[in-house]
Amino acid sequence: MNSDIFEQGLREFGIDPRNELVDLIKSYHEILIEWNGHTNLTSVTDWNDAVYRHYLDSASLVMIDSLSSHCDSGHTRLIDVGTGAGLPGMILKLLFPKLHVTLLESSSKKCHFLQEVCKKLDLSGLEIVSERAEIQGHKQGYRESYDIVVSRAVSKLNVLAEYCLPFCNMGGVMVAMKGRTVNAELNSAMNSISVLGGRVIEVVDCSTRIAKLDGRLVVVLKDSNTPDRYPRRAGMPAKRPIR
């Protein structure tokens, strides 16, 4: 696996492509491909494709103002809602070892994969929770307890807000990792975001830093408490989104 493109991409984001970091990402990729043979984790298996679509895409969160300094402080808590194969949460943990990360995933098979990655890469300060967001979002120690809440390609923004904002503490941010057509989702999600205590403060175009990335980062500031009734019971946010 040639790491030149990956290392150059990290430099574009202002991240030091230190040897141990690159080796960890490569090891993660090898475990991902091995497990993908029997567990459906990703359709992107080629290293060069994964560099852009998985690893630099995950690293693109440093384009949000001051996020990288928060991640490196040693006091920041981040939860990745619907993490799947650990994207972006696992990659952010490798990039910022001091970051306290929770990976939330309802699929037990995917959680077993994440546990295997943690074991083989000897990671600490990382929690794996196998549960639905609608349930975990009401639990003490999780509800309104995170500085950063991220989610990548889980559902439409008006639904995603109900999954994510209950985890976000006051003054924290939710970051939805979306594609270039996010504006259509934004228009229909503004009210639900407001109801849940959030306010969109910026939309970051990742292609302005690396042309091959077409992601958009929707940044939502949590500036009021989420009403106690949210998130609603399992399945309801997707079935009946907040209008």
C-alpha atoms as a PDB file:
ATOM      1  CA  MET A   1       0.000   0.000   0.000  1.00  0.00           C
ATOM      2  CA  ASN A   2       1.605   3.221  -1.185  1.00  0.00           C
ATOM      3  CA  SER A   3       0.989   5.901   1.427  1.00  0.00           C
ATOM      4  CA  ASP A   4       2.197   8.951  -0.541  1.00  0.00           C
ATOM      5  CA  ILE A   5      -1.298  10.194  -1.452  1.00  0.00           C
ATOM      6  CA  PHE A   6      -2.541   9.686   2.075  1.00  0.00           C
ATOM      7  CA  GLU A   7       0.441  11.472   3.603  1.00  0.00           C
ATOM      8  CA  GLN A   8       0.079  14.397   1.212  1.00  0.00           C
ATOM      9  CA  GLY A   9      -3.625  14.633   2.069  1.00  0.00           C
ATOM     10  CA  LEU A  10      -2.857  14.743   5.777  1.00  0.00           C
ATOM     11  CA  ARG A  11      -0.414  17.577   5.154  1.00  0.00           C
ATOM     12  CA  GLU A  12      -3.142  19.474   3.302  1.00  0.00           C
ATOM     13  CA  PHE A  13      -5.176  19.248   6.503  1.00  0.00           C
ATOM     14  CA  GLY A  14      -2.234  20.357   8.633  1.00  0.00           C
ATOM     15  CA  ILE A  15      -1.819  16.916  10.183  1.00  0.00           C
ATOM     16  CA  ASP A  16       1.661  15.493  10.679  1.00  0.00           C
ATOM     17  CA  PRO A  17       1.822  12.207   8.688  1.00  0.00           C
ATOM     18  CA  ARG A  18       4.024  10.592  11.313  1.00  0.00           C
ATOM     19  CA  ASN A  19       5.109   7.036  10.567  1.00  0.00           C
ATOM     20  CA  GLU A  20       3.212   5.454  13.459  1.00  0.00           C
ATOM     21  CA  LEU A  21      -0.032   7.145  12.373  1.00  0.00           C
ATOM     22  CA  VAL A  22       0.255   5.970   8.778  1.00  0.00           C
ATOM     23  CA  ASP A  23       1.096   2.450   9.963  1.00  0.00           C
ATOM     24  CA  LEU A  24      -1.977   2.413  12.224  1.00  0.00           C
ATOM     25  CA  ILE A  25      -4.282   3.466   9.383  1.00  0.00           C
ATOM     26  CA  LYS A  26      -2.788   0.780   7.146  1.00  0.00           C
ATOM     27  CA  SER A  27      -3.286  -1.813   9.875  1.00  0.00           C
ATOM     28  CA  TYR A  28      -6.892  -0.701  10.307  1.00  0.00           C
ATOM     29  CA  HIS A  29      -7.402  -1.063   6.541  1.00  0.00           C
ATOM     30  CA  GLU A  30      -5.972  -4.580   6.556  1.00  0.00           C
ATOM     31  CA  ILE A  31      -8.309  -5.647   9.377  1.00  0.00           C
ATOM     32  CA  LEU A  32     -11.229  -4.001   7.567  1.00  0.00           C
ATOM     33  CA  ILE A  33     -10.540  -5.948   4.362  1.00  0.00           C
ATOM     34  CA  GLU A  34     -10.073  -9.207   6.264  1.00  0.00           C
ATOM     35  CA  TRP A  35     -13.385  -8.831   8.092  1.00  0.00           C
ATOM     36  CA  ASN A  36     -15.190  -7.572   5.028  1.00  0.00           C
ATOM     37  CA  GLY A  37     -14.893 -11.064   3.595  1.00  0.00           C
ATOM     38  CA  HIS A  38     -17.516 -12.318   6.042  1.00  0.00           C
ATOM     39  CA  THR A  39     -19.117  -9.160   7.470  1.00  0.00           C
ATOM     40  CA  ASN A  40     -20.597  -6.412   5.295  1.00  0.00           C
ATOM     41  CA  LEU A  41     -18.582  -3.379   6.389  1.00  0.00           C
ATOM     42  CA  THR A  42     -17.755  -1.453   3.225  1.00  0.00           C
ATOM     43  CA  SER A  43     -18.009  -1.524  -0.561  1.00  0.00           C
ATOM     44  CA  VAL A  44     -14.744   0.429  -0.824  1.00  0.00           C
ATOM     45  CA  THR A  45     -11.910  -2.063  -0.519  1.00  0.00           C
ATOM     46  CA  ASP A  46      -9.143  -0.721  -2.770  1.00  0.00           C
ATOM     47  CA  TRP A  47      -6.546   1.151  -0.710  1.00  0.00           C
ATOM     48  CA  ASN A  48      -6.279   4.125  -3.074  1.00  0.00           C
ATOM     49  CA  ASP A  49     -10.062   4.561  -3.148  1.00  0.00           C
ATOM     50  CA  ALA A  50     -10.311   4.139   0.618  1.00  0.00           C
ATOM     51  CA  VAL A  51      -7.680   6.831   1.174  1.00  0.00           C
ATOM     52  CA  TYR A  52     -10.055   9.445  -0.218  1.00  0.00           C
ATOM     53  CA  ARG A  53     -13.473   7.978   0.551  1.00  0.00           C
ATOM     54  CA  HIS A  54     -12.733   6.755   4.072  1.00  0.00           C
ATOM     55  CA  TYR A  55      -9.553   8.102   5.614  1.00  0.00           C
ATOM     56  CA  LEU A  56      -9.123  11.612   4.248  1.00  0.00           C
ATOM     57  CA  ASP A  57     -12.890  12.023   4.347  1.00  0.00           C
ATOM     58  CA  SER A  58     -12.745  11.265   8.087  1.00  0.00           C
ATOM     59  CA  ALA A  59      -9.767  13.573   8.559  1.00  0.00           C
ATOM     60  CA  SER A  60     -11.652  16.402   6.834  1.00  0.00           C
ATOM     61  CA  LEU A  61     -13.358  17.242  10.129  1.00  0.00           C
ATOM     62  CA  VAL A  62     -10.258  19.257  11.038  1.00  0.00           C
ATOM     63  CA  MET A  63     -11.514  21.852   8.533  1.00  0.00           C
ATOM     64  CA  ILE A  64     -14.013  22.961  11.178  1.00  0.00           C
ATOM     65  CA  ASP A  65     -12.668  25.964  13.091  1.00  0.00           C
ATOM     66  CA  SER A  66     -10.650  24.954  16.164  1.00  0.00           C
ATOM     67  CA  LEU A  67     -11.804  21.313  16.028  1.00  0.00           C
ATOM     68  CA  SER A  68      -8.260  19.955  15.820  1.00  0.00           C
ATOM     69  CA  SER A  69      -7.139  21.902  18.898  1.00  0.00           C
ATOM     70  CA  HIS A  70     -10.170  20.623  20.832  1.00  0.00           C
ATOM     71  CA  CYS A  71      -9.445  17.045  19.760  1.00  0.00           C
ATOM     72  CA  ASP A  72      -5.854  17.303  20.978  1.00  0.00           C
ATOM     73  CA  SER A  73      -6.680  18.848  24.353  1.00  0.00           C
ATOM     74  CA  GLY A  74      -7.148  15.606  26.265  1.00  0.00           C
ATOM     75  CA  HIS A  75     -10.497  16.803  27.649  1.00  0.00           C
ATOM     76  CA  THR A  76     -12.756  16.496  24.596  1.00  0.00           C
ATOM     77  CA  ARG A  77     -15.475  13.829  24.353  1.00  0.00           C
ATOM     78  CA  LEU A  78     -16.701  12.751  20.931  1.00  0.00           C
ATOM     79  CA  ILE A  79     -19.410  10.294  19.966  1.00  0.00           C
ATOM     80  CA  ASP A  80     -19.804   8.836  16.468  1.00  0.00           C
ATOM     81  CA  VAL A  81     -23.468   7.951  15.967  1.00  0.00           C
ATOM     82  CA  GLY A  82     -24.027   5.002  13.636  1.00  0.00           C
ATOM     83  CA  THR A  83     -20.292   4.516  13.245  1.00  0.00           C
ATOM     84  CA  GLY A  84     -20.507   1.328  11.155  1.00  0.00           C
ATOM     85  CA  ALA A  85     -16.921   0.284  10.520  1.00  0.00           C
ATOM     86  CA  GLY A  86     -15.620   3.113  12.700  1.00  0.00           C
ATOM     87  CA  LEU A  87     -15.807   5.931  10.189  1.00  0.00           C
ATOM     88  CA  PRO A  88     -15.041   8.635  11.126  1.00  0.00           C
ATOM     89  CA  GLY A  89     -14.761   7.974  14.880  1.00  0.00           C
ATOM     90  CA  MET A  90     -12.057   5.295  14.818  1.00  0.00           C
ATOM     91  CA  ILE A  91      -9.957   7.296  12.356  1.00  0.00           C
ATOM     92  CA  LEU A  92     -10.296  10.444  14.469  1.00  0.00           C
ATOM     93  CA  LYS A  93      -9.084   8.461  17.489  1.00  0.00           C
ATOM     94  CA  LEU A  94      -6.003   7.360  15.517  1.00  0.00           C
ATOM     95  CA  LEU A  95      -5.383  10.945  14.380  1.00  0.00           C
ATOM     96  CA  PHE A  96      -5.889  12.385  17.871  1.00  0.00           C
ATOM     97  CA  PRO A  97      -4.906   9.805  20.521  1.00  0.00           C
ATOM     98  CA  LYS A  98      -5.926  12.106  23.410  1.00  0.00           C
ATOM     99  CA  LEU A  99      -9.520  12.280  22.168  1.00  0.00           C
ATOM    100  CA  HIS A 100     -12.109  10.384  24.255  1.00  0.00           C
ATOM    101  CA  VAL A 101     -14.262   8.555  21.694  1.00  0.00           C
ATOM    102  CA  THR A 102     -17.522   6.619  21.910  1.00  0.00           C
ATOM    103  CA  LEU A 103     -18.494   4.536  18.884  1.00  0.00           C
ATOM    104  CA  LEU A 104     -22.242   3.948  18.832  1.00  0.00           C
ATOM    105  CA  GLU A 105     -23.466   1.186  16.531  1.00  0.00           C
ATOM    106  CA  SER A 106     -26.631  -0.922  16.671  1.00  0.00           C
ATOM    107  CA  SER A 107     -25.142  -3.865  14.719  1.00  0.00           C
ATOM    108  CA  SER A 108     -23.461  -6.345  17.047  1.00  0.00           C
ATOM    109  CA  LYS A 109     -21.401  -7.778  14.166  1.00  0.00           C
ATOM    110  CA  LYS A 110     -19.921  -4.382  13.395  1.00  0.00           C
ATOM    111  CA  CYS A 111     -19.232  -3.843  17.087  1.00  0.00           C
ATOM    112  CA  HIS A 112     -17.306  -7.125  17.167  1.00  0.00           C
ATOM    113  CA  PHE A 113     -15.178  -5.796  14.305  1.00  0.00           C
ATOM    114  CA  LEU A 114     -14.540  -2.550  16.201  1.00  0.00           C
ATOM    115  CA  GLN A 115     -13.542  -4.502  19.303  1.00  0.00           C
ATOM    116  CA  GLU A 116     -11.092  -6.522  17.218  1.00  0.00           C
ATOM    117  CA  VAL A 117      -9.549  -3.320  15.851  1.00  0.00           C
ATOM    118  CA  CYS A 118      -9.144  -1.941  19.375  1.00  0.00           C
ATOM    119  CA  LYS A 119      -7.482  -5.143  20.519  1.00  0.00           C
ATOM    120  CA  LYS A 120      -5.084  -5.450  17.590  1.00  0.00           C
ATOM    121  CA  LEU A 121      -4.144  -1.760  17.575  1.00  0.00           C
ATOM    122  CA  ASP A 122      -3.946  -1.608  21.389  1.00  0.00           C
ATOM    123  CA  LEU A 123      -6.246   1.414  21.650  1.00  0.00           C
ATOM    124  CA  SER A 124      -7.433   2.977  24.905  1.00  0.00           C
ATOM    125  CA  GLY A 125      -9.794   5.845  25.638  1.00  0.00           C
ATOM    126  CA  LEU A 126     -12.306   4.405  23.196  1.00  0.00           C
ATOM    127  CA  GLU A 127     -15.719   2.981  24.123  1.00  0.00           C
ATOM    128  CA  ILE A 128     -17.849   0.786  21.855  1.00  0.00           C
ATOM    129  CA  VAL A 129     -21.590   0.753  22.540  1.00  0.00           C
ATOM    130  CA  SER A 130     -23.974  -1.614  20.754  1.00  0.00           C
ATOM    131  CA  GLU A 131     -27.320   0.180  20.938  1.00  0.00           C
ATOM    132  CA  ARG A 132     -29.738   2.325  18.957  1.00  0.00           C
ATOM    133  CA  ALA A 133     -29.333   6.095  19.227  1.00  0.00           C
ATOM    134  CA  GLU A 134     -32.994   6.489  20.221  1.00  0.00           C
ATOM    135  CA  ILE A 135     -32.337   4.444  23.372  1.00  0.00           C
ATOM    136  CA  GLN A 136     -28.795   5.514  24.234  1.00  0.00           C
ATOM    137  CA  GLY A 137     -29.694   9.186  23.830  1.00  0.00           C
ATOM    138  CA  HIS A 138     -31.795   9.054  27.009  1.00  0.00           C
ATOM    139  CA  LYS A 139     -29.161   7.425  29.226  1.00  0.00           C
ATOM    140  CA  GLN A 140     -27.280   9.304  31.919  1.00  0.00           C
ATOM    141  CA  GLY A 141     -23.646   9.837  31.017  1.00  0.00           C
ATOM    142  CA  TYR A 142     -24.522   9.984  27.337  1.00  0.00           C
ATOM    143  CA  ARG A 143     -27.369  12.464  27.032  1.00  0.00           C
ATOM    144  CA  GLU A 144     -26.030  16.000  26.539  1.00  0.00           C
ATOM    145  CA  SER A 145     -22.568  14.742  27.578  1.00  0.00           C
ATOM    146  CA  TYR A 146     -20.445  15.171  24.430  1.00  0.00           C
ATOM    147  CA  ASP A 147     -18.507  18.127  23.067  1.00  0.00           C
ATOM    148  CA  ILE A 148     -18.622  16.788  19.506  1.00  0.00           C
ATOM    149  CA  VAL A 149     -21.240  14.531  17.950  1.00  0.00           C
ATOM    150  CA  VAL A 150     -20.455  13.247  14.451  1.00  0.00           C
ATOM    151  CA  SER A 151     -22.320  11.070  12.004  1.00  0.00           C
ATOM    152  CA  ARG A 152     -21.530   9.999   8.465  1.00  0.00           C
ATOM    153  CA  ALA A 153     -24.160   9.099   5.866  1.00  0.00           C
ATOM    154  CA  VAL A 154     -26.650   7.638   8.349  1.00  0.00           C
ATOM    155  CA  SER A 155     -29.903   9.306   7.272  1.00  0.00           C
ATOM    156  CA  LYS A 156     -31.412  12.572   6.082  1.00  0.00           C
ATOM    157  CA  LEU A 157     -30.482  15.625   8.101  1.00  0.00           C
ATOM    158  CA  ASN A 158     -33.881  16.186   9.720  1.00  0.00           C
ATOM    159  CA  VAL A 159     -33.811  12.607  11.033  1.00  0.00           C
ATOM    160  CA  LEU A 160     -30.110  12.661  11.875  1.00  0.00           C
ATOM    161  CA  ALA A 161     -30.603  15.724  14.073  1.00  0.00           C
ATOM    162  CA  GLU A 162     -32.950  13.751  16.325  1.00  0.00           C
ATOM    163  CA  TYR A 163     -30.401  10.954  16.622  1.00  0.00           C
ATOM    164  CA  CYS A 164     -27.456  13.250  17.341  1.00  0.00           C
ATOM    165  CA  LEU A 165     -28.426  16.470  19.118  1.00  0.00           C
ATOM    166  CA  PRO A 166     -29.619  14.748  22.327  1.00  0.00           C
ATOM    167  CA  PHE A 167     -26.000  13.612  22.882  1.00  0.00           C
ATOM    168  CA  CYS A 168     -24.544  17.098  22.424  1.00  0.00           C
ATOM    169  CA  ASN A 169     -23.776  19.242  25.459  1.00  0.00           C
ATOM    170  CA  MET A 170     -24.545  22.941  25.671  1.00  0.00           C
ATOM    171  CA  GLY A 171     -22.041  24.821  23.530  1.00  0.00           C
ATOM    172  CA  GLY A 172     -20.981  21.630  21.786  1.00  0.00           C
ATOM    173  CA  VAL A 173     -21.382  20.858  18.097  1.00  0.00           C
ATOM    174  CA  MET A 174     -23.034  18.235  15.946  1.00  0.00           C
ATOM    175  CA  VAL A 175     -21.257  17.600  12.647  1.00  0.00           C
ATOM    176  CA  ALA A 176     -23.199  15.843   9.895  1.00  0.00           C
ATOM    177  CA  MET A 177     -20.973  14.495   7.135  1.00  0.00           C
ATOM    178  CA  LYS A 178     -22.963  14.895   3.944  1.00  0.00           C
ATOM    179  CA  GLY A 179     -22.521  15.047   0.172  1.00  0.00           C
ATOM    180  CA  ARG A 180     -22.603  17.926  -2.276  1.00  0.00           C
ATOM    181  CA  THR A 181     -26.429  17.889  -2.509  1.00  0.00           C
ATOM    182  CA  VAL A 182     -26.871  18.716   1.169  1.00  0.00           C
ATOM    183  CA  ASN A 183     -28.596  22.071   0.537  1.00  0.00           C
ATOM    184  CA  ALA A 184     -31.865  20.331  -0.317  1.00  0.00           C
ATOM    185  CA  GLU A 185     -31.739  18.509   3.032  1.00  0.00           C
ATOM    186  CA  LEU A 186     -30.855  21.682   4.903  1.00  0.00           C
ATOM    187  CA  ASN A 187     -34.003  23.470   3.810  1.00  0.00           C
ATOM    188  CA  SER A 188     -36.257  20.764   5.237  1.00  0.00           C
ATOM    189  CA  ALA A 189     -34.190  20.247   8.400  1.00  0.00           C
ATOM    190  CA  MET A 190     -33.971  23.777   9.810  1.00  0.00           C
ATOM    191  CA  ASN A 191     -37.091  23.487  11.959  1.00  0.00           C
ATOM    192  CA  SER A 192     -36.217  20.064  13.379  1.00  0.00           C
ATOM    193  CA  ILE A 193     -32.720  21.278  14.259  1.00  0.00           C
ATOM    194  CA  SER A 194     -34.211  24.287  16.051  1.00  0.00           C
ATOM    195  CA  VAL A 195     -36.771  22.175  17.940  1.00  0.00           C
ATOM    196  CA  LEU A 196     -33.944  19.921  19.151  1.00  0.00           C
ATOM    197  CA  GLY A 197     -31.877  22.838  20.469  1.00  0.00           C
ATOM    198  CA  GLY A 198     -29.467  23.423  17.599  1.00  0.00           C
ATOM    199  CA  ARG A 199     -28.550  26.086  15.080  1.00  0.00           C
ATOM    200  CA  VAL A 200     -26.627  25.629  11.821  1.00  0.00           C
ATOM    201  CA  ILE A 201     -23.530  27.823  11.965  1.00  0.00           C
ATOM    202  CA  GLU A 202     -21.633  26.733   8.848  1.00  0.00           C
ATOM    203  CA  VAL A 203     -21.428  24.282   5.961  1.00  0.00           C
ATOM    204  CA  VAL A 204     -17.848  23.375   5.043  1.00  0.00           C
ATOM    205  CA  ASP A 205     -16.985  22.336   1.477  1.00  0.00           C
ATOM    206  CA  CYS A 206     -14.187  19.755   1.784  1.00  0.00           C
ATOM    207  CA  SER A 207     -13.217  20.059  -1.902  1.00  0.00           C
ATOM    208  CA  THR A 208     -11.770  23.507  -1.216  1.00  0.00           C
ATOM    209  CA  ARG A 209      -8.891  21.763   0.569  1.00  0.00           C
ATOM    210  CA  ILE A 210      -8.635  18.502  -1.410  1.00  0.00           C
ATOM    211  CA  ALA A 211     -10.290  18.534  -4.831  1.00  0.00           C
ATOM    212  CA  LYS A 212     -11.142  14.809  -4.848  1.00  0.00           C
ATOM    213  CA  LEU A 213     -13.225  15.135  -1.698  1.00  0.00           C
ATOM    214  CA  ASP A 214     -16.842  16.107  -2.364  1.00  0.00           C
ATOM    215  CA  GLY A 215     -18.092  16.014   1.223  1.00  0.00           C
ATOM    216  CA  ARG A 216     -19.914  18.799   3.010  1.00  0.00           C
ATOM    217  CA  LEU A 217     -19.728  19.205   6.788  1.00  0.00           C
ATOM    218  CA  VAL A 218     -22.884  20.639   8.319  1.00  0.00           C
ATOM    219  CA  VAL A 219     -21.940  22.170  11.674  1.00  0.00           C
ATOM    220  CA  VAL A 220     -24.735  22.634  14.204  1.00  0.00           C
ATOM    221  CA  LEU A 221     -24.168  24.517  17.464  1.00  0.00           C
ATOM    222  CA  LYS A 222     -26.139  23.253  20.474  1.00  0.00           C
ATOM    223  CA  ASP A 223     -27.359  26.404  22.236  1.00  0.00           C
ATOM    224  CA  SER A 224     -30.439  25.157  24.109  1.00  0.00           C
ATOM    225  CA  ASN A 225     -31.423  21.908  25.792  1.00  0.00           C
ATOM    226  CA  THR A 226     -33.088  19.175  23.789  1.00  0.00           C
ATOM    227  CA  PRO A 227     -36.662  18.615  25.053  1.00  0.00           C
ATOM    228  CA  ASP A 228     -36.942  15.489  27.196  1.00  0.00           C
ATOM    229  CA  ARG A 229     -39.216  13.678  24.743  1.00  0.00           C
ATOM    230  CA  TYR A 230     -36.456  13.462  22.116  1.00  0.00           C
ATOM    231  CA  PRO A 231     -35.248  11.190  20.744  1.00  0.00           C
ATOM    232  CA  ARG A 232     -38.559   9.405  20.373  1.00  0.00           C
ATOM    233  CA  ARG A 233     -38.850   5.625  20.576  1.00  0.00           C
ATOM    234  CA  ALA A 234     -36.896   3.425  18.168  1.00  0.00           C
ATOM    235  CA  GLY A 235     -37.936   3.873  14.556  1.00  0.00           C
ATOM    236  CA  MET A 236     -40.038   6.988  15.078  1.00  0.00           C
ATOM    237  CA  PRO A 237     -37.494   9.632  13.975  1.00  0.00           C
ATOM    238  CA  ALA A 238     -37.213   8.005  10.539  1.00  0.00           C
ATOM    239  CA  LYS A 239     -40.889   7.107  10.273  1.00  0.00           C
ATOM    240  CA  ARG A 240     -42.220  10.502  11.343  1.00  0.00           C
ATOM    241  CA  PRO A 241     -39.471  13.144  11.051  1.00  0.00           C
ATOM    242  CA  ILE A 242     -39.946  16.428  12.879  1.00  0.00           C
ATOM    243  CA  ARG A 243     -41.395  18.940  10.436  1.00  0.00           C
END
